[in-house]
């Protein structure tokens, strides 16, 4: 029987069911909304992070691009500044000579590029000179070549290559950057390296600054300035230092010559650039342009400036090149030489005689002879400096002056000993 008591129980039951139902729906709605909001938050956060990350990447790329452009602009500005600074000190050297003039019988011809930069011109005759009628002959001063030099003193000292001014019968004219012309006098030609110093009568000239070739690095930007092809004065090219400490054999009209410890560069160097400066981005000379390679492109060589500084100082002080001498003939020991001869050391200068009978290992009466140095001895060090491929004996000796006393570490018959030597002047 359905009474009030049962009715009340039923109401409570229905109320509980409805409450559970409403609670479930409410909880589901709340969870759904909360989950949705959480999902939206995470998704929004994800998008924001990605957008921000993209913006940061773009900003970083822009910064890198701006830096690259800035660095490039900075290097270009530095190059322009260097050229303006250095050009007034760079001169063209014109070589002229009295030569027979044969009307209708002469035509210009070009040398192929030589290892040494000499004259880009030569003359070709159509038949032997003695067959030319006398009335067709006469002497005429003609330009036979050109090169470059740079001013090293206010009173007219100019540094160039020896092979540029090698002809003792030729005349040499210096043309300044402002077109002034001066007759040049040859002061000295270095018999050891391809360097010469000439003199013009002038004052208050712009002197180029000399740098430190021992401090340069591979990849460093350098600038070459010179009288390209003997025709285009103060031509500027830019490149990098490709290698250091090269030993090359250069051939030219003077024959073969070994150039030691030279700088290799890919800055375009042409015939006529010889004798010109190779400078860094501070406008300081770190090398003297000297030779090119026939086999490759953009392979040029420059004599390091540091060994040349002693020559300049000597000429300024004595009017000639004064060099110290030890008085030995030698070969630098390498790994190959050490292995082939079963030597106990793989460095040093091995004292040996030459190929001809008169080419003795030790010069009689020389400082080395007086100190008791003998054939087959190995000079290991000079004043603590190890002698090897990068530190040649002649280069280390050249750092001193005649009458200087130096201490040599010698390997004599398998035993090391220290020897004191007083250097003399090389004649």
Foldseek 3Di string as FASTA:
>chain_A
DDDPVNVVVVVVVVVVVVVVVVVVVVVVVVVVVVVVVVVVVVVVVVVVVVVVVVVVVVVVVVVVVVVVVVVVVVLVVLVVVLLVQFQQFKKKKWKKAWDKAAPPFWDWDADDAFQFQEARTDIDGPDDPVPGDPVRIDIDIDTRHMAMWGAADQQFKIKFFCRHVVDPRIWMWIQGSVRDIFTKAWLEADPAGGMTIIGTGHGRGRHFAADALVPDDFFAKKKAFFCANSHRHGDIWIWTFHDWFDWDWGQDPVGIDIATGKIWILTDDHRRSGNTFIGGSVNHGQFGWTGADPPDHSTTITHGCPLVVQQVVCCVVPSYGWFWDQFFDWDFFAPVNCVVVVHPDRGFTQQAADPDPVRAGGDPPGQCVVQPNHHRKGFQDKQPHGGHSSHDPRSVRRVDGQQDKIWTWIQDPNDTDITITGIHIDD
